[in-house]
Amino acid sequence: MTFERQPPSLRGVYGISVMSELSGIGPQTLRLYDRRGLLTPTRTDGGTRRYSEADLTTLRRISELIANGVNLVGIGLILSLEAENAALATRINQMH
């Protein structure tokens, strides 16, 4: 794991128990979100999940969508489209 190459918001610094406490989401649910591809925590050489500030932001968005009645498949699609929109907006800004 090389921390120097990642922006601070993407550095996996929180273990699953800390992330659970910060987010209010149980460890089993965090593992489920990982399996479903909704979160992609970094991994240590031993395979331990390490969550970042960006993951915490994503968890807040997931919680918001769940509160609005969106299922996990829908959440995956929404997160993917939001990421694509952000990437396109960045490209547009770079062109100007």
Protein backbone atom coordinates (compact mmCIF):
# COMPACT_ATOMS: atom_id res chain seq x y z
CA MET A 1 0.00 0.00 0.00
CA THR A 2 1.50 3.35 -1.00
CA PHE A 3 -0.12 6.27 0.77
CA GLU A 4 2.03 8.94 -0.86
CA ARG A 5 0.43 8.46 -4.27
CA GLN A 6 -3.17 8.84 -3.11
CA PRO A 7 -4.98 12.05 -2.25
CA PRO A 8 -5.69 12.25 1.49
CA SER A 9 -9.43 11.68 0.98
CA LEU A 10 -8.73 8.33 -0.71
CA ARG A 11 -6.26 6.93 1.82
CA GLY A 12 -7.63 3.89 3.58
CA VAL A 13 -7.01 4.70 7.21
CA TYR A 14 -10.07 3.41 9.07
CA GLY A 15 -10.57 -0.21 10.02
CA ILE A 16 -14.01 -1.75 9.72
CA SER A 17 -14.88 -1.23 13.40
CA VAL A 18 -13.95 2.46 13.27
CA MET A 19 -15.85 2.93 10.01
CA SER A 20 -18.85 1.21 11.55
CA GLU A 21 -18.74 3.60 14.49
CA LEU A 22 -18.26 6.68 12.29
CA SER A 23 -21.03 5.76 9.88
CA GLY A 24 -23.49 4.04 12.21
CA ILE A 25 -23.55 1.09 9.80
CA GLY A 26 -22.76 -2.38 11.11
CA PRO A 27 -19.66 -4.30 10.02
CA GLN A 28 -21.73 -7.01 8.31
CA THR A 29 -23.53 -4.37 6.25
CA LEU A 30 -20.19 -2.78 5.32
CA ARG A 31 -18.98 -6.19 4.13
CA LEU A 32 -22.20 -6.60 2.12
CA TYR A 33 -21.69 -3.22 0.45
CA ASP A 34 -18.12 -4.29 -0.41
CA ARG A 35 -19.33 -7.58 -1.91
CA ARG A 36 -21.99 -5.73 -3.92
CA GLY A 37 -19.40 -3.27 -5.24
CA LEU A 38 -20.97 -0.23 -3.60
CA LEU A 39 -17.76 0.44 -1.67
CA THR A 40 -14.21 -0.42 -2.61
CA PRO A 41 -12.05 -0.09 0.49
CA THR A 42 -8.33 -0.48 0.08
CA ARG A 43 -6.75 -3.64 1.46
CA THR A 44 -3.62 -4.19 3.49
CA ASP A 45 -1.16 -6.86 2.40
CA GLY A 46 -2.97 -9.19 4.81
CA GLY A 47 -6.37 -8.44 3.23
CA THR A 48 -7.77 -6.20 5.95
CA ARG A 49 -10.23 -3.58 4.70
CA ARG A 50 -9.19 0.04 5.16
CA TYR A 51 -11.78 2.73 4.58
CA SER A 52 -11.18 6.34 3.53
CA GLU A 53 -12.96 9.67 3.95
CA ALA A 54 -14.30 9.16 0.41
CA ASP A 55 -15.79 5.83 1.52
CA LEU A 56 -17.46 7.61 4.44
CA THR A 57 -18.97 10.12 2.01
CA THR A 58 -20.20 7.23 -0.17
CA LEU A 59 -21.75 5.56 2.89
CA ARG A 60 -23.63 8.74 3.68
CA ARG A 61 -24.97 8.78 0.12
CA ILE A 62 -25.93 5.09 0.34
CA SER A 63 -27.78 5.74 3.61
CA GLU A 64 -29.62 8.66 2.03
CA LEU A 65 -30.70 6.53 -0.93
CA ILE A 66 -31.83 3.67 1.32
CA ALA A 67 -33.88 6.14 3.37
CA ASN A 68 -35.57 7.14 0.10
CA GLY A 69 -36.50 3.52 -0.62
CA VAL A 70 -33.86 2.67 -3.24
CA ASN A 71 -32.68 -0.96 -3.24
CA LEU A 72 -29.01 -1.99 -3.48
CA VAL A 73 -29.13 -2.64 -7.24
CA GLY A 74 -30.59 0.82 -7.79
CA ILE A 75 -28.00 2.34 -5.48
CA GLY A 76 -25.24 0.72 -7.52
CA LEU A 77 -26.65 2.22 -10.72
CA ILE A 78 -27.11 5.65 -9.16
CA LEU A 79 -23.56 5.71 -7.74
CA SER A 80 -22.18 4.63 -11.10
CA LEU A 81 -24.08 7.35 -12.96
CA GLU A 82 -23.05 9.97 -10.41
CA ALA A 83 -19.39 8.98 -10.82
CA GLU A 84 -19.73 9.13 -14.59
CA ASN A 85 -21.33 12.59 -14.39
CA ALA A 86 -18.52 13.82 -12.14
CA ALA A 87 -15.90 12.48 -14.57
CA LEU A 88 -17.64 14.16 -17.50
CA ALA A 89 -17.90 17.44 -15.61
CA THR A 90 -14.18 17.27 -14.87
CA ARG A 91 -13.42 16.68 -18.56
CA ILE A 92 -15.62 19.59 -19.59
CA ASN A 93 -13.90 21.88 -17.08
CA GLN A 94 -10.49 20.81 -18.38
CA MET A 95 -11.54 21.66 -21.92
CA HIS A 96 -12.46 25.23 -20.97
